[in-house]
Amino acid sequence: MPLVGVLSPLRASMRSTAASTGAVRSFSSYLVTPKELHEALKKAPPSPISSEPRVIPLCASWFLPNDPQKRTGLDVFIQKRIPKARFFDLDKVIDRRSPYPHMLPSSKDFAAAMSELGIRREDTVVIYDSQELGIFSAPRVGWTMKVFGHPKVHILNNFKLWIEEGLPTESGNVWTIECGTYPIPEMDEDKVASFEEVRDVALDFNKEGAEGVQILDARSPGRWSGQEPEPREGLSSGHMPGSINIPFSAVLDPNTKAFLPADKLKEVFTKAGVDPSKPIISSCGTGVTACVLETALNEAQFGSPEKRKVYDGSWTEWAQRVKPSESLIQKTE
């Protein structure tokens, strides 16, 4: 089963629901505070019998394959979650034909995933991460939903604070949800950078007349410099020519693990030498934490949204596809 909202989803009632006139009031920002989500859930709970637009909490917890505690997103979802939350499995809602992890699914597969989760196109979806990591993989799922045009999607900032503020949680096996029929959307390819596009940027680095596209890399300094190994065995570490290393942790508060305020985010990008007037492509290991940077750029209103992309394949694709003769994997002493 690609995702869990649910131990045994009811498939009998497959119906689409017309948007209601009593629409849920929109959140003021892409990032949502625990208090805002709690209040919204009281007003528009994710009831399976309601035909009104609802607020759906969606857990997108995920851990790296080399996690020392061998944790999985589903494990922490079962241990503690927002009441009535559903679980999006980042390892399964992908392009299964691709040799690279976490590549975007097809429009048809995305719609099937939303249908199994019982999410309707008119629902407001608020995505959150594990308590342990604060912000990590939820922005990737939020970006994915944006790419496929879901009208109302937000990120909880964050579940760690939700728990610390004493807001309600539940644990154990999940309840049964009713599937729906989510319409097959069109993918917004302008938000996605391909290998070929990023390769052209790297080859043009420092050349006269180049557009000056900036590549931001969210991996750790050790992986970016080539001094530490990648978490995926056999994959070379290092970086693309001209890329700027901004570890995703740099845009998070070290104590709360929530996104920094917008003014502090602007400082991070400015100090790293990012020019908001030029195009930006965010990258990382597999396209997950690149979306943390993209979310931070969005929150800081840094750079034009039309000139910002995420490199879907990121370093895992890059390190396997570039040719040694091109010198497109660089290391720093």
Protein backbone atom coordinates (compact mmCIF):
# COMPACT_ATOMS: atom_id res chain seq x y z
CA MET A 1 0.00 0.00 0.00
CA PRO A 2 1.62 3.26 -1.05
CA LEU A 3 0.53 5.32 1.93
CA VAL A 4 -1.19 4.96 5.17
CA GLY A 5 -4.19 6.92 6.33
CA VAL A 6 -5.36 3.68 7.33
CA LEU A 7 -5.13 0.08 8.00
CA SER A 8 -7.93 -0.95 5.68
CA PRO A 9 -9.28 1.83 3.46
CA LEU A 10 -12.87 1.64 2.32
CA ARG A 11 -12.96 1.63 -1.44
CA ALA A 12 -16.67 1.09 -1.78
CA SER A 13 -17.63 4.71 -1.92
CA MET A 14 -15.59 6.34 -4.68
CA ARG A 15 -17.13 9.71 -5.18
CA SER A 16 -15.93 13.21 -5.87
CA THR A 17 -17.28 16.04 -3.79
CA ALA A 18 -18.18 19.44 -5.15
CA ALA A 19 -16.50 22.41 -3.51
CA SER A 20 -18.71 23.86 -0.82
CA THR A 21 -19.80 27.43 -0.53
CA GLY A 22 -18.75 27.33 3.13
CA ALA A 23 -15.06 27.29 2.27
CA VAL A 24 -12.42 26.93 4.96
CA ARG A 25 -10.76 30.23 5.75
CA SER A 26 -7.27 30.23 4.27
CA PHE A 27 -4.19 30.38 6.47
CA SER A 28 -2.32 33.67 6.19
CA SER A 29 1.01 32.03 5.34
CA TYR A 30 2.44 28.89 3.74
CA LEU A 31 3.93 28.11 7.16
CA VAL A 32 1.29 27.43 9.81
CA THR A 33 1.77 27.63 13.58
CA PRO A 34 0.54 24.81 15.86
CA LYS A 35 -2.10 27.14 17.34
CA GLU A 36 -3.41 28.09 13.89
CA LEU A 37 -3.72 24.45 12.84
CA HIS A 38 -5.36 23.45 16.12
CA GLU A 39 -8.00 26.18 15.75
CA ALA A 40 -8.60 25.28 12.10
CA LEU A 41 -9.06 21.60 12.93
CA LYS A 42 -11.74 22.48 15.47
CA LYS A 43 -13.64 24.45 12.81
CA ALA A 44 -13.17 22.09 9.85
CA PRO A 45 -12.20 18.61 11.10
CA PRO A 46 -11.27 15.87 8.58
CA SER A 47 -14.60 14.07 8.91
CA PRO A 48 -15.20 11.25 6.41
CA ILE A 49 -18.91 12.04 6.23
CA SER A 50 -18.59 15.79 5.65
CA SER A 51 -18.98 17.12 2.14
CA GLU A 52 -17.54 20.47 3.24
CA PRO A 53 -13.89 21.36 2.48
CA ARG A 54 -11.80 20.11 5.39
CA VAL A 55 -8.41 20.66 7.00
CA ILE A 56 -6.32 17.48 6.69
CA PRO A 57 -3.15 17.01 8.77
CA LEU A 58 -0.72 14.91 6.74
CA CYS A 59 2.34 13.33 8.34
CA ALA A 60 5.32 13.14 5.97
CA SER A 61 7.93 11.86 8.42
CA TRP A 62 10.96 10.23 6.79
CA PHE A 63 14.48 9.29 7.88
CA LEU A 64 17.70 8.80 5.93
CA PRO A 65 18.57 5.20 4.99
CA ASN A 66 21.60 5.31 7.31
CA ASP A 67 19.57 6.45 10.35
CA PRO A 68 21.47 5.04 13.36
CA GLN A 69 18.24 4.22 15.19
CA LYS A 70 16.72 2.51 12.12
CA ARG A 71 13.61 4.66 12.47
CA THR A 72 10.95 4.89 9.79
CA GLY A 73 8.33 7.53 9.18
CA LEU A 74 5.53 5.02 9.72
CA ASP A 75 7.00 4.01 13.07
CA VAL A 76 6.92 7.54 14.48
CA PHE A 77 3.49 8.16 12.92
CA ILE A 78 2.07 5.20 14.84
CA GLN A 79 3.87 6.24 18.05
CA LYS A 80 2.53 9.81 18.12
CA ARG A 81 0.58 11.93 15.64
CA ILE A 82 -1.93 14.74 15.31
CA PRO A 83 -5.44 13.30 15.78
CA LYS A 84 -6.97 12.12 12.50
CA ALA A 85 -3.70 12.67 10.63
CA ARG A 86 -2.89 10.60 7.54
CA PHE A 87 0.53 9.29 6.48
CA PHE A 88 2.28 10.05 3.21
CA ASP A 89 5.02 7.51 2.44
CA LEU A 90 7.81 9.41 0.74
CA ASP A 91 9.51 6.20 -0.33
CA LYS A 92 6.45 4.93 -2.20
CA VAL A 93 4.79 7.93 -3.85
CA ILE A 94 7.56 8.19 -6.44
CA ASP A 95 8.46 7.43 -10.03
CA ARG A 96 8.92 3.67 -9.69
CA ARG A 97 10.56 3.41 -13.10
CA SER A 98 13.40 5.74 -12.12
CA PRO A 99 16.69 4.34 -10.74
CA TYR A 100 16.90 7.39 -8.46
CA PRO A 101 15.00 7.71 -5.16
CA HIS A 102 12.15 10.17 -4.59
CA MET A 103 11.73 11.31 -8.18
CA LEU A 104 8.32 12.89 -8.72
CA PRO A 105 5.51 10.43 -9.51
CA SER A 106 3.42 10.72 -12.64
CA SER A 107 0.27 12.82 -12.47
CA LYS A 108 -1.78 9.63 -12.52
CA ASP A 109 0.15 8.08 -9.63
CA PHE A 110 -0.06 11.30 -7.61
CA ALA A 111 -3.84 11.35 -8.08
CA ALA A 112 -4.04 7.69 -7.02
CA ALA A 113 -2.04 8.47 -3.87
CA MET A 114 -4.34 11.36 -2.96
CA SER A 115 -7.37 9.18 -3.65
CA GLU A 116 -6.13 6.43 -1.32
CA LEU A 117 -5.56 9.00 1.41
CA GLY A 118 -9.10 10.27 0.99
CA ILE A 119 -7.84 13.77 0.18
CA ARG A 120 -10.10 15.90 -1.98
CA ARG A 121 -8.87 18.68 -4.22
CA GLU A 122 -10.80 21.27 -2.20
CA ASP A 123 -9.29 20.17 1.13
CA THR A 124 -6.69 22.29 2.90
CA VAL A 125 -3.70 20.02 3.58
CA VAL A 126 -1.21 20.83 6.35
CA ILE A 127 1.91 18.68 6.17
CA TYR A 128 4.17 18.01 9.12
CA ASP A 129 7.36 16.21 10.12
CA SER A 130 8.38 14.05 13.04
CA GLN A 131 8.83 15.46 16.53
CA GLU A 132 12.47 14.33 16.43
CA LEU A 133 13.48 16.21 13.27
CA GLY A 134 11.12 19.20 13.43
CA ILE A 135 11.49 20.14 9.77
CA PHE A 136 12.97 17.70 7.27
CA SER A 137 10.80 15.92 4.69
CA ALA A 138 7.45 17.72 4.98
CA PRO A 139 8.59 20.54 2.65
CA ARG A 140 9.29 17.94 -0.05
CA VAL A 141 5.71 16.69 0.14
CA GLY A 142 4.43 20.28 0.21
CA TRP A 143 6.48 21.11 -2.88
CA THR A 144 5.22 17.95 -4.60
CA MET A 145 1.61 18.98 -3.97
CA LYS A 146 2.39 22.46 -5.34
CA VAL A 147 3.96 20.93 -8.46
CA PHE A 148 0.72 19.02 -9.05
CA GLY A 149 -1.39 22.11 -8.43
CA HIS A 150 -3.16 21.30 -5.15
CA PRO A 151 -4.80 24.66 -4.35
CA LYS A 152 -4.38 24.78 -0.56
CA VAL A 153 -1.24 23.23 0.91
CA HIS A 154 0.74 24.35 3.96
CA ILE A 155 3.58 23.26 6.25
CA LEU A 156 3.23 22.99 10.03
CA ASN A 157 6.04 24.89 11.76
CA ASN A 158 6.30 22.38 13.54
CA PHE A 159 5.16 19.16 15.27
CA LYS A 160 7.86 19.47 17.95
CA LEU A 161 6.26 22.76 19.04
CA TRP A 162 2.79 21.21 18.73
CA ILE A 163 3.77 18.67 21.39
CA GLU A 164 5.61 21.18 23.58
CA GLU A 165 2.54 23.43 23.56
CA GLY A 166 0.46 20.56 24.92
CA LEU A 167 -1.81 20.20 21.91
CA PRO A 168 -3.61 16.86 21.45
CA THR A 169 -1.98 13.76 19.98
CA GLU A 170 -2.99 10.14 19.44
CA SER A 171 -1.07 6.92 18.95
CA GLY A 172 -1.52 3.31 17.98
CA ASN A 173 -3.20 1.81 14.95
CA VAL A 174 -4.86 4.16 12.54
CA TRP A 175 -8.53 4.40 11.76
CA THR A 176 -10.31 3.49 8.56
CA ILE A 177 -10.77 6.26 6.02
CA GLU A 178 -12.93 6.50 2.97
CA CYS A 179 -11.10 6.76 -0.32
CA GLY A 180 -12.13 9.30 -2.90
CA THR A 181 -11.47 10.14 -6.51
CA TYR A 182 -8.81 12.83 -6.89
CA PRO A 183 -8.71 14.31 -10.40
CA ILE A 184 -5.54 13.69 -12.41
CA PRO A 185 -3.69 17.03 -12.38
CA GLU A 186 -1.18 18.64 -14.71
CA MET A 187 2.42 18.86 -13.52
CA ASP A 188 3.93 22.35 -13.31
CA GLU A 189 7.26 21.56 -14.94
CA ASP A 190 8.48 25.15 -14.44
CA LYS A 191 9.09 24.30 -10.77
CA VAL A 192 11.33 21.34 -11.59
CA ALA A 193 14.98 21.38 -12.72
CA SER A 194 16.18 18.41 -14.78
CA PHE A 195 19.66 16.87 -14.89
CA GLU A 196 20.26 18.37 -18.32
CA GLU A 197 19.35 21.86 -17.14
CA VAL A 198 21.59 21.66 -14.06
CA ARG A 199 24.45 20.19 -16.12
CA ASP A 200 24.27 23.16 -18.49
CA VAL A 201 24.43 25.53 -15.51
CA ALA A 202 27.48 23.74 -14.10
CA LEU A 203 29.26 23.70 -17.46
CA ASP A 204 28.57 27.41 -17.91
CA PHE A 205 29.90 28.37 -14.48
CA ASN A 206 32.28 31.34 -14.69
CA LYS A 207 31.86 31.59 -18.46
CA GLU A 208 31.33 35.01 -19.97
CA GLY A 209 27.72 35.66 -20.89
CA ALA A 210 26.32 32.89 -18.68
CA GLU A 211 22.92 33.56 -17.11
CA GLY A 212 24.32 33.21 -13.60
CA VAL A 213 21.91 30.58 -12.32
CA GLN A 214 22.73 29.81 -8.68
CA ILE A 215 22.72 26.26 -7.32
CA LEU A 216 22.08 25.96 -3.58
CA ASP A 217 23.10 22.66 -1.96
CA ALA A 218 21.35 21.71 1.29
CA ARG A 219 23.67 18.83 2.24
CA SER A 220 26.10 18.96 5.16
CA PRO A 221 29.41 20.80 4.67
CA GLY A 222 31.30 17.50 4.88
CA ARG A 223 29.30 15.88 2.09
CA TRP A 224 29.44 19.05 -0.03
CA SER A 225 33.23 19.37 0.36
CA GLY A 226 33.77 15.67 -0.34
CA GLN A 227 35.35 15.04 3.06
CA GLU A 228 32.47 12.90 4.36
CA PRO A 229 30.73 9.99 2.61
CA GLU A 230 27.23 10.07 1.21
CA PRO A 231 24.62 8.06 3.15
CA ARG A 232 24.08 5.91 0.06
CA GLU A 233 26.83 3.36 -0.30
CA GLY A 234 29.08 3.70 -3.35
CA LEU A 235 28.03 7.28 -4.15
CA SER A 236 30.80 9.87 -4.41
CA SER A 237 30.47 12.99 -2.30
CA GLY A 238 31.55 16.46 -3.44
CA HIS A 239 29.73 19.31 -5.17
CA MET A 240 28.77 20.86 -8.49
CA PRO A 241 30.97 23.66 -9.85
CA GLY A 242 29.86 27.01 -8.45
CA SER A 243 27.27 25.59 -6.05
CA ILE A 244 26.65 27.37 -2.74
CA ASN A 245 26.51 25.19 0.36
CA ILE A 246 23.66 26.16 2.70
CA PRO A 247 22.97 23.16 4.97
CA PHE A 248 19.23 22.93 5.54
CA SER A 249 19.85 23.19 9.29
CA ALA A 250 21.04 26.79 8.71
CA VAL A 251 17.45 27.92 8.04
CA LEU A 252 16.08 26.25 11.19
CA ASP A 253 16.14 27.36 14.81
CA PRO A 254 18.63 25.03 16.59
CA ASN A 255 16.35 24.66 19.61
CA THR A 256 12.83 24.44 18.19
CA LYS A 257 13.91 23.00 14.81
CA ALA A 258 11.30 25.27 13.24
CA PHE A 259 11.95 27.68 10.38
CA LEU A 260 13.67 30.90 11.37
CA PRO A 261 11.70 34.17 11.01
CA ALA A 262 11.69 35.71 7.52
CA ASP A 263 14.22 38.43 8.39
CA LYS A 264 16.69 35.88 9.74
CA LEU A 265 16.21 33.72 6.66
CA LYS A 266 17.07 36.68 4.44
CA GLU A 267 20.26 37.11 6.46
CA VAL A 268 21.22 33.46 5.90
CA PHE A 269 20.86 33.72 2.13
CA THR A 270 22.50 37.14 1.89
CA LYS A 271 25.46 36.06 4.01
CA ALA A 272 25.93 32.99 1.80
CA GLY A 273 26.19 35.27 -1.23
CA VAL A 274 22.89 34.37 -2.90
CA ASP A 275 21.64 37.04 -5.31
CA PRO A 276 17.82 37.30 -5.23
CA SER A 277 17.77 38.88 -8.69
CA LYS A 278 19.19 35.74 -10.34
CA PRO A 279 17.58 32.32 -10.89
CA ILE A 280 17.97 29.77 -8.08
CA ILE A 281 17.99 25.96 -8.20
CA SER A 282 17.91 24.12 -4.88
CA SER A 283 19.54 20.70 -4.60
CA CYS A 284 20.48 18.17 -1.89
CA GLY A 285 20.91 14.39 -1.72
CA THR A 286 17.65 13.13 -3.24
CA GLY A 287 15.52 16.26 -3.58
CA VAL A 288 14.11 16.17 -0.02
CA THR A 289 15.95 18.85 1.98
CA ALA A 290 16.35 20.98 -1.16
CA CYS A 291 12.69 21.71 -0.53
CA VAL A 292 13.56 22.97 2.97
CA LEU A 293 15.67 25.64 1.26
CA GLU A 294 12.94 26.35 -1.30
CA THR A 295 10.43 26.78 1.55
CA ALA A 296 12.82 29.12 3.36
CA LEU A 297 13.29 31.16 0.17
CA ASN A 298 9.51 31.35 -0.18
CA GLU A 299 9.03 32.43 3.44
CA ALA A 300 11.76 35.10 3.14
CA GLN A 301 10.36 36.23 -0.24
CA PHE A 302 13.93 35.88 -1.50
CA GLY A 303 14.10 35.65 -5.26
CA SER A 304 11.24 35.49 -7.72
CA PRO A 305 9.09 32.32 -7.39
CA GLU A 306 9.08 32.14 -11.20
CA LYS A 307 12.88 31.91 -11.16
CA ARG A 308 13.20 29.26 -8.44
CA LYS A 309 13.33 25.51 -9.06
CA VAL A 310 14.19 22.29 -7.24
CA TYR A 311 16.55 19.77 -8.83
CA ASP A 312 14.43 16.64 -8.54
CA GLY A 313 17.21 14.05 -8.89
CA SER A 314 19.72 16.09 -6.85
CA TRP A 315 23.13 14.68 -5.90
CA THR A 316 22.13 11.02 -6.15
CA GLU A 317 21.31 11.44 -9.82
CA TRP A 318 24.17 13.88 -10.45
CA ALA A 319 26.94 11.67 -9.05
CA GLN A 320 25.75 8.70 -11.11
CA ARG A 321 25.24 10.50 -14.42
CA VAL A 322 28.08 12.99 -14.88
CA LYS A 323 31.15 11.80 -16.79
CA PRO A 324 34.57 11.82 -15.08
CA SER A 325 36.02 13.70 -18.04
CA GLU A 326 33.67 16.63 -17.42
CA SER A 327 35.10 17.43 -13.94
CA LEU A 328 31.59 18.12 -12.64
CA ILE A 329 32.20 16.58 -9.20
CA GLN A 330 34.48 18.85 -7.23
CA LYS A 331 36.02 18.35 -3.79
CA THR A 332 37.43 20.88 -1.37
CA GLU A 333 40.39 20.26 0.92
